[in-house]
Every structure is written in C-alpha cells, then in structure tokens.
Amino acid sequence: MGGYNTIFLGVQDERVRVMVSNAGYNSFLDYAASPYGGGDLAKWSLDKHIRRIRTVYNIYNNDASAIPCDFPELIAALAPPPLLTIAPKQDEIFVLPGVMKCLDAARPGL
C-alpha cells in the first residue's frame, strides 16, 4: 500500500522533497471499471485502506464520482517535488493504462 500512500504523504507534508511510488494507484473511475473483483470500490474502504470512502462517501453503489478527489488531481498537487512512478505492465489491480491516465491528466498542472 505504499504506492498511493506516497502520494497522500507528498500532498500533506511539505517536508517531502522527492517521491517514489512503486505501483499502487489508479483513478477511482478506472478502478471501478477494472476487471479486478468487478472493480468494486468498497475494497478501497477496508480499514487498512481508505475507510472514509465507506464511512463518509458511502460508495456501495460503486459511484466513483462520489469521492471528492482522485489520483490525477492528487498527483498534480504534488508539484514541484518530483514523483517517480514504477508501474508493472500486468498489474491486475492498478492497470497500467489507468496509471498512465493519472500521469497524463496531472501533466498540465506540472
């Protein structure tokens, strides 16, 4: 779970000067549409992940638009410190095209 936690840390802590995310993120919209477990967003709301998705945003209808932020915006918010993303080509959970969409969406803000 370090990949997306790296992004959360970088957004929240100004002391962070460089970040490396070794897999571990995708847009919630892409995750909801992914073949992994039917793309069930409730998997993100387990206590070991992002509990607020369940407790505050109640996404049991799998509506990613109910979540107020997504990884493209979070990645764009990291600038100016650099972010290195290492994403496997065949990750079943965070598929590479979804990771690339996040990075592409964040680039205009960088």
PDB file of N, CA and C in Angstrom:
ATOM      1  N   MET A   1       0.815  -1.202   0.000  1.00  0.00           N
ATOM      2  CA  MET A   1       0.000   0.000   0.000  1.00  0.00           C
ATOM      3  C   MET A   1       0.853   1.257   0.000  1.00  0.00           C
ATOM      4  N   GLY A   2       2.131   1.121  -0.282  1.00  0.00           N
ATOM      5  CA  GLY A   2       2.996   2.286  -0.263  1.00  0.00           C
ATOM      6  C   GLY A   2       2.849   3.201  -1.460  1.00  0.00           C
ATOM      7  N   GLY A   3       2.402   2.665  -2.595  1.00  0.00           N
ATOM      8  CA  GLY A   3       2.302   3.478  -3.803  1.00  0.00           C
ATOM      9  C   GLY A   3       1.375   4.661  -3.641  1.00  0.00           C
ATOM     10  N   TYR A   4       0.152   4.409  -3.228  1.00  0.00           N
ATOM     11  CA  TYR A   4      -0.772   5.534  -3.079  1.00  0.00           C
ATOM     12  C   TYR A   4      -0.541   6.287  -1.781  1.00  0.00           C
ATOM     13  N   ASN A   5      -0.023   5.633  -0.761  1.00  0.00           N
ATOM     14  CA  ASN A   5       0.294   6.357   0.474  1.00  0.00           C
ATOM     15  C   ASN A   5       1.426   7.351   0.264  1.00  0.00           C
ATOM     16  N   THR A   6       2.337   7.060  -0.651  1.00  0.00           N
ATOM     17  CA  THR A   6       3.389   8.016  -1.013  1.00  0.00           C
ATOM     18  C   THR A   6       2.770   9.301  -1.541  1.00  0.00           C
ATOM     19  N   ILE A   7       1.758   9.159  -2.376  1.00  0.00           N
ATOM     20  CA  ILE A   7       1.082  10.323  -2.945  1.00  0.00           C
ATOM     21  C   ILE A   7       0.368  11.108  -1.844  1.00  0.00           C
ATOM     22  N   PHE A   8      -0.342  10.405  -0.956  1.00  0.00           N
ATOM     23  CA  PHE A   8      -1.021  11.095   0.148  1.00  0.00           C
ATOM     24  C   PHE A   8      -0.020  11.834   1.034  1.00  0.00           C
ATOM     25  N   LEU A   9       1.091  11.199   1.345  1.00  0.00           N
ATOM     26  CA  LEU A   9       2.117  11.834   2.168  1.00  0.00           C
ATOM     27  C   LEU A   9       2.662  13.083   1.482  1.00  0.00           C
ATOM     28  N   GLY A  10       2.976  12.969   0.199  1.00  0.00           N
ATOM     29  CA  GLY A  10       3.527  14.113  -0.528  1.00  0.00           C
ATOM     30  C   GLY A  10       2.585  15.303  -0.575  1.00  0.00           C
ATOM     31  N   VAL A  11       1.292  15.037  -0.678  1.00  0.00           N
ATOM     32  CA  VAL A  11       0.300  16.112  -0.710  1.00  0.00           C
ATOM     33  C   VAL A  11       0.175  16.779   0.664  1.00  0.00           C
ATOM     34  N   GLN A  12       0.315  16.007   1.731  1.00  0.00           N
ATOM     35  CA  GLN A  12       0.076  16.508   3.077  1.00  0.00           C
ATOM     36  C   GLN A  12       1.298  17.078   3.797  1.00  0.00           C
ATOM     37  N   ASP A  13       2.490  16.654   3.396  1.00  0.00           N
ATOM     38  CA  ASP A  13       3.683  17.022   4.166  1.00  0.00           C
ATOM     39  C   ASP A  13       4.676  17.784   3.291  1.00  0.00           C
ATOM     40  N   GLU A  14       4.829  19.053   3.543  1.00  0.00           N
ATOM     41  CA  GLU A  14       5.695  19.910   2.731  1.00  0.00           C
ATOM     42  C   GLU A  14       7.181  19.581   2.880  1.00  0.00           C
ATOM     43  N   ARG A  15       7.537  18.774   3.864  1.00  0.00           N
ATOM     44  CA  ARG A  15       8.937  18.390   4.030  1.00  0.00           C
ATOM     45  C   ARG A  15       9.392  17.381   2.979  1.00  0.00           C
ATOM     46  N   VAL A  16       8.459  16.710   2.345  1.00  0.00           N
ATOM     47  CA  VAL A  16       8.787  15.697   1.337  1.00  0.00           C
ATOM     48  C   VAL A  16       9.346  16.398   0.101  1.00  0.00           C
ATOM     49  N   ARG A  17      10.544  15.997  -0.301  1.00  0.00           N
ATOM     50  CA  ARG A  17      11.234  16.656  -1.417  1.00  0.00           C
ATOM     51  C   ARG A  17      11.254  15.828  -2.703  1.00  0.00           C
ATOM     52  N   VAL A  18      11.052  14.523  -2.578  1.00  0.00           N
ATOM     53  CA  VAL A  18      11.018  13.634  -3.743  1.00  0.00           C
ATOM     54  C   VAL A  18      10.217  12.398  -3.346  1.00  0.00           C
ATOM     55  N   MET A  19       9.504  11.812  -4.312  1.00  0.00           N
ATOM     56  CA  MET A  19       8.656  10.655  -4.016  1.00  0.00           C
ATOM     57  C   MET A  19       8.872   9.557  -5.036  1.00  0.00           C
ATOM     58  N   VAL A  20       8.772   8.318  -4.570  1.00  0.00           N
ATOM     59  CA  VAL A  20       8.798   7.147  -5.447  1.00  0.00           C
ATOM     60  C   VAL A  20       7.573   6.317  -5.106  1.00  0.00           C
ATOM     61  N   SER A  21       6.727   6.105  -6.100  1.00  0.00           N
ATOM     62  CA  SER A  21       5.546   5.276  -5.925  1.00  0.00           C
ATOM     63  C   SER A  21       5.768   3.989  -6.701  1.00  0.00           C
ATOM     64  N   ASN A  22       5.920   2.897  -5.978  1.00  0.00           N
ATOM     65  CA  ASN A  22       6.136   1.594  -6.603  1.00  0.00           C
ATOM     66  C   ASN A  22       4.779   0.926  -6.764  1.00  0.00           C
ATOM     67  N   ALA A  23       4.130   1.228  -7.892  1.00  0.00           N
ATOM     68  CA  ALA A  23       2.771   0.753  -8.189  1.00  0.00           C
ATOM     69  C   ALA A  23       1.802   1.309  -7.154  1.00  0.00           C
ATOM     70  N   GLY A  24       0.583   0.866  -7.176  1.00  0.00           N
ATOM     71  CA  GLY A  24      -0.327   1.177  -6.094  1.00  0.00           C
ATOM     72  C   GLY A  24      -1.268   2.343  -6.260  1.00  0.00           C
ATOM     73  N   TYR A  25      -1.561   2.796  -7.461  1.00  0.00           N
ATOM     74  CA  TYR A  25      -2.635   3.777  -7.608  1.00  0.00           C
ATOM     75  C   TYR A  25      -3.224   3.703  -9.005  1.00  0.00           C
ATOM     76  N   ASN A  26      -4.396   4.250  -9.108  1.00  0.00           N
ATOM     77  CA  ASN A  26      -5.153   4.306 -10.340  1.00  0.00           C
ATOM     78  C   ASN A  26      -6.292   5.271 -10.078  1.00  0.00           C
ATOM     79  N   SER A  27      -6.870   5.827 -11.087  1.00  0.00           N
ATOM     80  CA  SER A  27      -8.033   6.670 -10.852  1.00  0.00           C
ATOM     81  C   SER A  27      -9.165   5.803 -10.307  1.00  0.00           C
ATOM     82  N   PHE A  28      -9.962   6.346  -9.420  1.00  0.00           N
ATOM     83  CA  PHE A  28     -11.087   5.586  -8.876  1.00  0.00           C
ATOM     84  C   PHE A  28     -12.052   5.183  -9.990  1.00  0.00           C
ATOM     85  N   LEU A  29     -12.210   6.046 -10.997  1.00  0.00           N
ATOM     86  CA  LEU A  29     -13.083   5.708 -12.124  1.00  0.00           C
ATOM     87  C   LEU A  29     -12.560   4.496 -12.880  1.00  0.00           C
ATOM     88  N   ASP A  30     -11.247   4.443 -13.131  1.00  0.00           N
ATOM     89  CA  ASP A  30     -10.665   3.289 -13.814  1.00  0.00           C
ATOM     90  C   ASP A  30     -10.731   2.042 -12.946  1.00  0.00           C
ATOM     91  N   TYR A  31     -10.505   2.202 -11.662  1.00  0.00           N
ATOM     92  CA  TYR A  31     -10.585   1.064 -10.754  1.00  0.00           C
ATOM     93  C   TYR A  31     -12.005   0.497 -10.739  1.00  0.00           C
ATOM     94  N   ALA A  32     -13.008   1.366 -10.708  1.00  0.00           N
ATOM     95  CA  ALA A  32     -14.402   0.919 -10.674  1.00  0.00           C
ATOM     96  C   ALA A  32     -14.762   0.144 -11.934  1.00  0.00           C
ATOM     97  N   ALA A  33     -14.090   0.460 -13.039  1.00  0.00           N
ATOM     98  CA  ALA A  33     -14.373  -0.215 -14.313  1.00  0.00           C
ATOM     99  C   ALA A  33     -13.451  -1.400 -14.573  1.00  0.00           C
ATOM    100  N   SER A  34     -12.493  -1.641 -13.687  1.00  0.00           N
ATOM    101  CA  SER A  34     -11.499  -2.690 -13.935  1.00  0.00           C
ATOM    102  C   SER A  34     -12.078  -4.077 -13.706  1.00  0.00           C
ATOM    103  N   PRO A  35     -11.465  -5.080 -14.316  1.00  0.00           N
ATOM    104  CA  PRO A  35     -11.948  -6.452 -14.134  1.00  0.00           C
ATOM    105  C   PRO A  35     -11.617  -7.038 -12.767  1.00  0.00           C
ATOM    106  N   TYR A  36     -10.690  -6.429 -12.018  1.00  0.00           N
ATOM    107  CA  TYR A  36     -10.301  -6.971 -10.715  1.00  0.00           C
ATOM    108  C   TYR A  36     -11.473  -6.895  -9.747  1.00  0.00           C
ATOM    109  N   GLY A  37     -11.984  -8.017  -9.389  1.00  0.00           N
ATOM    110  CA  GLY A  37     -13.090  -8.067  -8.422  1.00  0.00           C
ATOM    111  C   GLY A  37     -14.291  -7.256  -8.852  1.00  0.00           C
ATOM    112  N   GLY A  38     -14.476  -7.091 -10.152  1.00  0.00           N
ATOM    113  CA  GLY A  38     -15.578  -6.276 -10.635  1.00  0.00           C
ATOM    114  C   GLY A  38     -15.337  -4.801 -10.421  1.00  0.00           C
ATOM    115  N   GLY A  39     -14.101  -4.451 -10.048  1.00  0.00           N
ATOM    116  CA  GLY A  39     -13.796  -3.047  -9.809  1.00  0.00           C
ATOM    117  C   GLY A  39     -14.573  -2.475  -8.641  1.00  0.00           C
ATOM    118  N   ASP A  40     -14.830  -3.265  -7.641  1.00  0.00           N
ATOM    119  CA  ASP A  40     -15.649  -2.874  -6.507  1.00  0.00           C
ATOM    120  C   ASP A  40     -14.919  -1.841  -5.643  1.00  0.00           C
ATOM    121  N   LEU A  41     -15.398  -0.606  -5.634  1.00  0.00           N
ATOM    122  CA  LEU A  41     -14.764   0.455  -4.856  1.00  0.00           C
ATOM    123  C   LEU A  41     -14.827   0.203  -3.354  1.00  0.00           C
ATOM    124  N   ALA A  42     -15.723  -0.655  -2.917  1.00  0.00           N
ATOM    125  CA  ALA A  42     -15.796  -0.963  -1.488  1.00  0.00           C
ATOM    126  C   ALA A  42     -14.496  -1.593  -1.002  1.00  0.00           C
ATOM    127  N   LYS A  43     -13.715  -2.190  -1.887  1.00  0.00           N
ATOM    128  CA  LYS A  43     -12.422  -2.760  -1.486  1.00  0.00           C
ATOM    129  C   LYS A  43     -11.463  -1.669  -1.020  1.00  0.00           C
ATOM    130  N   TRP A  44     -11.625  -0.453  -1.523  1.00  0.00           N
ATOM    131  CA  TRP A  44     -10.799   0.670  -1.078  1.00  0.00           C
ATOM    132  C   TRP A  44     -11.187   1.109   0.320  1.00  0.00           C
ATOM    133  N   SER A  45     -12.375   0.732   0.757  1.00  0.00           N
ATOM    134  CA  SER A  45     -12.869   1.256   2.028  1.00  0.00           C
ATOM    135  C   SER A  45     -12.619   0.328   3.211  1.00  0.00           C
ATOM    136  N   LEU A  46     -11.833  -0.696   3.015  1.00  0.00           N
ATOM    137  CA  LEU A  46     -11.467  -1.554   4.138  1.00  0.00           C
ATOM    138  C   LEU A  46     -10.682  -0.726   5.156  1.00  0.00           C
ATOM    139  N   ASP A  47     -10.678  -1.153   6.383  1.00  0.00           N
ATOM    140  CA  ASP A  47      -9.991  -0.391   7.428  1.00  0.00           C
ATOM    141  C   ASP A  47      -8.506  -0.196   7.131  1.00  0.00           C
ATOM    142  N   LYS A  48      -7.881  -1.105   6.384  1.00  0.00           N
ATOM    143  CA  LYS A  48      -6.456  -0.963   6.086  1.00  0.00           C
ATOM    144  C   LYS A  48      -6.194  -0.076   4.871  1.00  0.00           C
ATOM    145  N   HIS A  49      -7.233   0.380   4.219  1.00  0.00           N
ATOM    146  CA  HIS A  49      -7.063   1.253   3.058  1.00  0.00           C
ATOM    147  C   HIS A  49      -7.613   2.645   3.385  1.00  0.00           C
ATOM    148  N   ILE A  50      -8.644   3.071   2.683  1.00  0.00           N
ATOM    149  CA  ILE A  50      -9.188   4.420   2.862  1.00  0.00           C
ATOM    150  C   ILE A  50     -10.612   4.295   3.405  1.00  0.00           C
ATOM    151  N   ARG A  51     -10.724   4.159   4.704  1.00  0.00           N
ATOM    152  CA  ARG A  51     -12.000   3.905   5.372  1.00  0.00           C
ATOM    153  C   ARG A  51     -13.041   4.983   5.081  1.00  0.00           C
ATOM    154  N   ARG A  52     -12.625   6.215   4.901  1.00  0.00           N
ATOM    155  CA  ARG A  52     -13.583   7.314   4.668  1.00  0.00           C
ATOM    156  C   ARG A  52     -14.400   7.119   3.400  1.00  0.00           C
ATOM    157  N   ILE A  53     -13.883   6.333   2.463  1.00  0.00           N
ATOM    158  CA  ILE A  53     -14.674   6.060   1.263  1.00  0.00           C
ATOM    159  C   ILE A  53     -15.984   5.384   1.659  1.00  0.00           C
ATOM    160  N   ARG A  54     -15.920   4.536   2.667  1.00  0.00           N
ATOM    161  CA  ARG A  54     -17.120   3.846   3.152  1.00  0.00           C
ATOM    162  C   ARG A  54     -17.888   4.696   4.156  1.00  0.00           C
ATOM    163  N   THR A  55     -17.176   5.271   5.105  1.00  0.00           N
ATOM    164  CA  THR A  55     -17.847   5.916   6.227  1.00  0.00           C
ATOM    165  C   THR A  55     -18.368   7.318   5.914  1.00  0.00           C
ATOM    166  N   VAL A  56     -17.732   8.011   4.987  1.00  0.00           N
ATOM    167  CA  VAL A  56     -18.156   9.377   4.673  1.00  0.00           C
ATOM    168  C   VAL A  56     -18.825   9.458   3.299  1.00  0.00           C
ATOM    169  N   TYR A  57     -18.251   8.803   2.308  1.00  0.00           N
ATOM    170  CA  TYR A  57     -18.745   8.947   0.938  1.00  0.00           C
ATOM    171  C   TYR A  57     -19.650   7.816   0.493  1.00  0.00           C
ATOM    172  N   ASN A  58     -19.799   6.768   1.311  1.00  0.00           N
ATOM    173  CA  ASN A  58     -20.765   5.687   1.102  1.00  0.00           C
ATOM    174  C   ASN A  58     -20.860   5.253  -0.364  1.00  0.00           C
ATOM    175  N   ILE A  59     -19.814   4.655  -0.871  1.00  0.00           N
ATOM    176  CA  ILE A  59     -19.739   4.309  -2.287  1.00  0.00           C
ATOM    177  C   ILE A  59     -20.230   2.902  -2.604  1.00  0.00           C
ATOM    178  N   TYR A  60     -21.086   2.356  -1.788  1.00  0.00           N
ATOM    179  CA  TYR A  60     -21.521   0.984  -2.048  1.00  0.00           C
ATOM    180  C   TYR A  60     -22.260   0.830  -3.371  1.00  0.00           C
ATOM    181  N   ASN A  61     -22.678   1.912  -3.989  1.00  0.00           N
ATOM    182  CA  ASN A  61     -23.264   1.819  -5.326  1.00  0.00           C
ATOM    183  C   ASN A  61     -22.183   1.892  -6.410  1.00  0.00           C
ATOM    184  N   ASN A  62     -20.913   1.854  -5.996  1.00  0.00           N
ATOM    185  CA  ASN A  62     -19.749   1.850  -6.892  1.00  0.00           C
ATOM    186  C   ASN A  62     -19.667   3.129  -7.729  1.00  0.00           C
ATOM    187  N   ASP A  63     -20.103   4.240  -7.169  1.00  0.00           N
ATOM    188  CA  ASP A  63     -20.082   5.520  -7.869  1.00  0.00           C
ATOM    189  C   ASP A  63     -18.821   6.289  -7.504  1.00  0.00           C
ATOM    190  N   ALA A  64     -17.823   6.209  -8.381  1.00  0.00           N
ATOM    191  CA  ALA A  64     -16.540   6.869  -8.115  1.00  0.00           C
ATOM    192  C   ALA A  64     -16.669   8.384  -8.068  1.00  0.00           C
ATOM    193  N   SER A  65     -17.699   8.930  -8.685  1.00  0.00           N
ATOM    194  CA  SER A  65     -17.851  10.394  -8.683  1.00  0.00           C
ATOM    195  C   SER A  65     -18.233  10.919  -7.300  1.00  0.00           C
ATOM    196  N   ALA A  66     -18.612  10.046  -6.368  1.00  0.00           N
ATOM    197  CA  ALA A  66     -18.944  10.480  -5.003  1.00  0.00           C
ATOM    198  C   ALA A  66     -17.694  10.817  -4.194  1.00  0.00           C
ATOM    199  N   ILE A  67     -16.531  10.368  -4.639  1.00  0.00           N
ATOM    200  CA  ILE A  67     -15.277  10.623  -3.927  1.00  0.00           C
ATOM    201  C   ILE A  67     -14.760  11.992  -4.371  1.00  0.00           C
ATOM    202  N   PRO A  68     -14.481  12.903  -3.450  1.00  0.00           N
ATOM    203  CA  PRO A  68     -14.211  14.297  -3.811  1.00  0.00           C
ATOM    204  C   PRO A  68     -12.871  14.569  -4.496  1.00  0.00           C
ATOM    205  N   CYS A  69     -11.959  13.619  -4.486  1.00  0.00           N
ATOM    206  CA  CYS A  69     -10.702  13.827  -5.193  1.00  0.00           C
ATOM    207  C   CYS A  69     -10.284  12.506  -5.819  1.00  0.00           C
ATOM    208  N   ASP A  70      -9.368  12.585  -6.759  1.00  0.00           N
ATOM    209  CA  ASP A  70      -8.896  11.381  -7.426  1.00  0.00           C
ATOM    210  C   ASP A  70      -7.401  11.528  -7.670  1.00  0.00           C
ATOM    211  N   PHE A  71      -6.772  10.454  -8.045  1.00  0.00           N
ATOM    212  CA  PHE A  71      -5.319  10.448  -8.148  1.00  0.00           C
ATOM    213  C   PHE A  71      -4.756  11.411  -9.196  1.00  0.00           C
ATOM    214  N   PRO A  72      -5.408  11.667 -10.332  1.00  0.00           N
ATOM    215  CA  PRO A  72      -4.843  12.681 -11.244  1.00  0.00           C
ATOM    216  C   PRO A  72      -4.669  14.042 -10.562  1.00  0.00           C
ATOM    217  N   GLU A  73      -5.668  14.463  -9.781  1.00  0.00           N
ATOM    218  CA  GLU A  73      -5.578  15.744  -9.076  1.00  0.00           C
ATOM    219  C   GLU A  73      -4.541  15.698  -7.963  1.00  0.00           C
ATOM    220  N   LEU A  74      -4.484  14.594  -7.255  1.00  0.00           N
ATOM    221  CA  LEU A  74      -3.502  14.462  -6.177  1.00  0.00           C
ATOM    222  C   LEU A  74      -2.082  14.511  -6.726  1.00  0.00           C
ATOM    223  N   ILE A  75      -1.845  13.828  -7.842  1.00  0.00           N
ATOM    224  CA  ILE A  75      -0.510  13.827  -8.445  1.00  0.00           C
ATOM    225  C   ILE A  75      -0.147  15.225  -8.931  1.00  0.00           C
ATOM    226  N   ALA A  76      -1.102  15.920  -9.528  1.00  0.00           N
ATOM    227  CA  ALA A  76      -0.836  17.293  -9.971  1.00  0.00           C
ATOM    228  C   ALA A  76      -0.522  18.195  -8.785  1.00  0.00           C
ATOM    229  N   ALA A  77      -1.142  17.936  -7.648  1.00  0.00           N
ATOM    230  CA  ALA A  77      -0.916  18.752  -6.453  1.00  0.00           C
ATOM    231  C   ALA A  77       0.469  18.533  -5.851  1.00  0.00           C
ATOM    232  N   LEU A  78       1.155  17.484  -6.256  1.00  0.00           N
ATOM    233  CA  LEU A  78       2.481  17.201  -5.711  1.00  0.00           C
ATOM    234  C   LEU A  78       3.547  18.177  -6.199  1.00  0.00           C
ATOM    235  N   ALA A  79       3.349  18.786  -7.337  1.00  0.00           N
ATOM    236  CA  ALA A  79       4.361  19.649  -7.927  1.00  0.00           C
ATOM    237  C   ALA A  79       4.712  20.776  -6.953  1.00  0.00           C
ATOM    238  N   PRO A  80       5.941  21.181  -6.886  1.00  0.00           N
ATOM    239  CA  PRO A  80       7.052  20.882  -7.778  1.00  0.00           C
ATOM    240  C   PRO A  80       7.914  19.683  -7.410  1.00  0.00           C
ATOM    241  N   PRO A  81       7.840  19.074  -6.208  1.00  0.00           N
ATOM    242  CA  PRO A  81       8.727  17.927  -5.978  1.00  0.00           C
ATOM    243  C   PRO A  81       8.487  16.817  -6.992  1.00  0.00           C
ATOM    244  N   PRO A  82       9.547  16.155  -7.422  1.00  0.00           N
ATOM    245  CA  PRO A  82       9.404  15.111  -8.436  1.00  0.00           C
ATOM    246  C   PRO A  82       8.790  13.826  -7.871  1.00  0.00           C
ATOM    247  N   LEU A  83       8.077  13.124  -8.755  1.00  0.00           N
ATOM    248  CA  LEU A  83       7.475  11.837  -8.425  1.00  0.00           C
ATOM    249  C   LEU A  83       7.927  10.824  -9.469  1.00  0.00           C
ATOM    250  N   LEU A  84       8.530   9.745  -9.022  1.00  0.00           N
ATOM    251  CA  LEU A  84       8.866   8.621  -9.888  1.00  0.00           C
ATOM    252  C   LEU A  84       7.814   7.554  -9.653  1.00  0.00           C
ATOM    253  N   THR A  85       7.138   7.139 -10.717  1.00  0.00           N
ATOM    254  CA  THR A  85       6.152   6.076 -10.618  1.00  0.00           C
ATOM    255  C   THR A  85       6.707   4.830 -11.276  1.00  0.00           C
ATOM    256  N   ILE A  86       6.693   3.729 -10.547  1.00  0.00           N
ATOM    257  CA  ILE A  86       7.086   2.427 -11.081  1.00  0.00           C
ATOM    258  C   ILE A  86       5.811   1.602 -11.128  1.00  0.00           C
ATOM    259  N   ALA A  87       5.363   1.270 -12.339  1.00  0.00           N
ATOM    260  CA  ALA A  87       4.107   0.547 -12.501  1.00  0.00           C
ATOM    261  C   ALA A  87       4.316  -0.659 -13.402  1.00  0.00           C
ATOM    262  N   PRO A  88       3.962  -1.840 -12.930  1.00  0.00           N
ATOM    263  CA  PRO A  88       4.126  -3.031 -13.756  1.00  0.00           C
ATOM    264  C   PRO A  88       3.159  -3.045 -14.937  1.00  0.00           C
ATOM    265  N   LYS A  89       3.579  -3.661 -16.005  1.00  0.00           N
ATOM    266  CA  LYS A  89       2.750  -3.722 -17.204  1.00  0.00           C
ATOM    267  C   LYS A  89       1.525  -4.606 -17.022  1.00  0.00           C
ATOM    268  N   GLN A  90       1.600  -5.568 -16.119  1.00  0.00           N
ATOM    269  CA  GLN A  90       0.497  -6.520 -15.984  1.00  0.00           C
ATOM    270  C   GLN A  90      -0.054  -6.572 -14.564  1.00  0.00           C
ATOM    271  N   ASP A  91      -0.190  -5.441 -13.928  1.00  0.00           N
ATOM    272  CA  ASP A  91      -0.795  -5.382 -12.598  1.00  0.00           C
ATOM    273  C   ASP A  91      -2.300  -5.608 -12.758  1.00  0.00           C
ATOM    274  N   GLU A  92      -2.851  -6.545 -12.030  1.00  0.00           N
ATOM    275  CA  GLU A  92      -4.273  -6.848 -12.147  1.00  0.00           C
ATOM    276  C   GLU A  92      -5.152  -5.854 -11.396  1.00  0.00           C
ATOM    277  N   ILE A  93      -4.588  -5.159 -10.441  1.00  0.00           N
ATOM    278  CA  ILE A  93      -5.384  -4.245  -9.628  1.00  0.00           C
ATOM    279  C   ILE A  93      -5.296  -2.818 -10.171  1.00  0.00           C
ATOM    280  N   PHE A  94      -4.081  -2.312 -10.308  1.00  0.00           N
ATOM    281  CA  PHE A  94      -3.863  -0.954 -10.804  1.00  0.00           C
ATOM    282  C   PHE A  94      -3.283  -1.068 -12.215  1.00  0.00           C
ATOM    283  N   VAL A  95      -4.159  -1.203 -13.181  1.00  0.00           N
ATOM    284  CA  VAL A  95      -3.746  -1.482 -14.551  1.00  0.00           C
ATOM    285  C   VAL A  95      -2.946  -0.310 -15.118  1.00  0.00           C
ATOM    286  N   LEU A  96      -1.941  -0.636 -15.917  1.00  0.00           N
ATOM    287  CA  LEU A  96      -1.030   0.374 -16.456  1.00  0.00           C
ATOM    288  C   LEU A  96      -1.749   1.486 -17.225  1.00  0.00           C
ATOM    289  N   PRO A  97      -2.732   1.184 -18.079  1.00  0.00           N
ATOM    290  CA  PRO A  97      -3.415   2.306 -18.756  1.00  0.00           C
ATOM    291  C   PRO A  97      -4.049   3.296 -17.784  1.00  0.00           C
ATOM    292  N   GLY A  98      -4.549   2.812 -16.646  1.00  0.00           N
ATOM    293  CA  GLY A  98      -5.122   3.710 -15.637  1.00  0.00           C
ATOM    294  C   GLY A  98      -4.069   4.565 -14.970  1.00  0.00           C
ATOM    295  N   VAL A  99      -2.905   3.983 -14.707  1.00  0.00           N
ATOM    296  CA  VAL A  99      -1.792   4.751 -14.131  1.00  0.00           C
ATOM    297  C   VAL A  99      -1.368   5.839 -15.112  1.00  0.00           C
ATOM    298  N   MET A 100      -1.260   5.477 -16.395  1.00  0.00           N
ATOM    299  CA  MET A 100      -0.844   6.450 -17.412  1.00  0.00           C
ATOM    300  C   MET A 100      -1.863   7.580 -17.536  1.00  0.00           C
ATOM    301  N   LYS A 101      -3.147   7.259 -17.415  1.00  0.00           N
ATOM    302  CA  LYS A 101      -4.175   8.303 -17.447  1.00  0.00           C
ATOM    303  C   LYS A 101      -3.981   9.294 -16.301  1.00  0.00           C
ATOM    304  N   CYS A 102      -3.649   8.765 -15.126  1.00  0.00           N
ATOM    305  CA  CYS A 102      -3.413   9.650 -13.977  1.00  0.00           C
ATOM    306  C   CYS A 102      -2.233  10.587 -14.251  1.00  0.00           C
ATOM    307  N   LEU A 103      -1.141  10.017 -14.743  1.00  0.00           N
ATOM    308  CA  LEU A 103       0.050  10.832 -15.014  1.00  0.00           C
ATOM    309  C   LEU A 103      -0.221  11.840 -16.126  1.00  0.00           C
ATOM    310  N   ASP A 104      -0.914  11.412 -17.184  1.00  0.00           N
ATOM    311  CA  ASP A 104      -1.221  12.324 -18.289  1.00  0.00           C
ATOM    312  C   ASP A 104      -2.129  13.464 -17.842  1.00  0.00           C
ATOM    313  N   ALA A 105      -3.103  13.154 -16.998  1.00  0.00           N
ATOM    314  CA  ALA A 105      -4.018  14.186 -16.507  1.00  0.00           C
ATOM    315  C   ALA A 105      -3.312  15.175 -15.603  1.00  0.00           C
ATOM    316  N   ALA A 106      -2.283  14.714 -14.902  1.00  0.00           N
ATOM    317  CA  ALA A 106      -1.563  15.580 -13.972  1.00  0.00           C
ATOM    318  C   ALA A 106      -0.548  16.458 -14.683  1.00  0.00           C
ATOM    319  N   ARG A 107      -0.068  16.055 -15.832  1.00  0.00           N
ATOM    320  CA  ARG A 107       0.999  16.798 -16.519  1.00  0.00           C
ATOM    321  C   ARG A 107       0.684  18.254 -16.791  1.00  0.00           C
ATOM    322  N   PRO A 108      -0.512  18.621 -17.230  1.00  0.00           N
ATOM    323  CA  PRO A 108      -0.751  20.049 -17.481  1.00  0.00           C
ATOM    324  C   PRO A 108      -0.522  20.923 -16.256  1.00  0.00           C
ATOM    325  N   GLY A 109      -0.722  20.360 -15.062  1.00  0.00           N
ATOM    326  CA  GLY A 109      -0.517  21.137 -13.834  1.00  0.00           C
ATOM    327  C   GLY A 109       0.919  21.163 -13.377  1.00  0.00           C
ATOM    328  N   LEU A 110       1.786  20.410 -14.014  1.00  0.00           N
ATOM    329  CA  LEU A 110       3.180  20.342 -13.581  1.00  0.00           C
ATOM    330  C   LEU A 110       4.022  21.407 -14.227  1.00  0.00           C
TER     331      LEU A 110
END
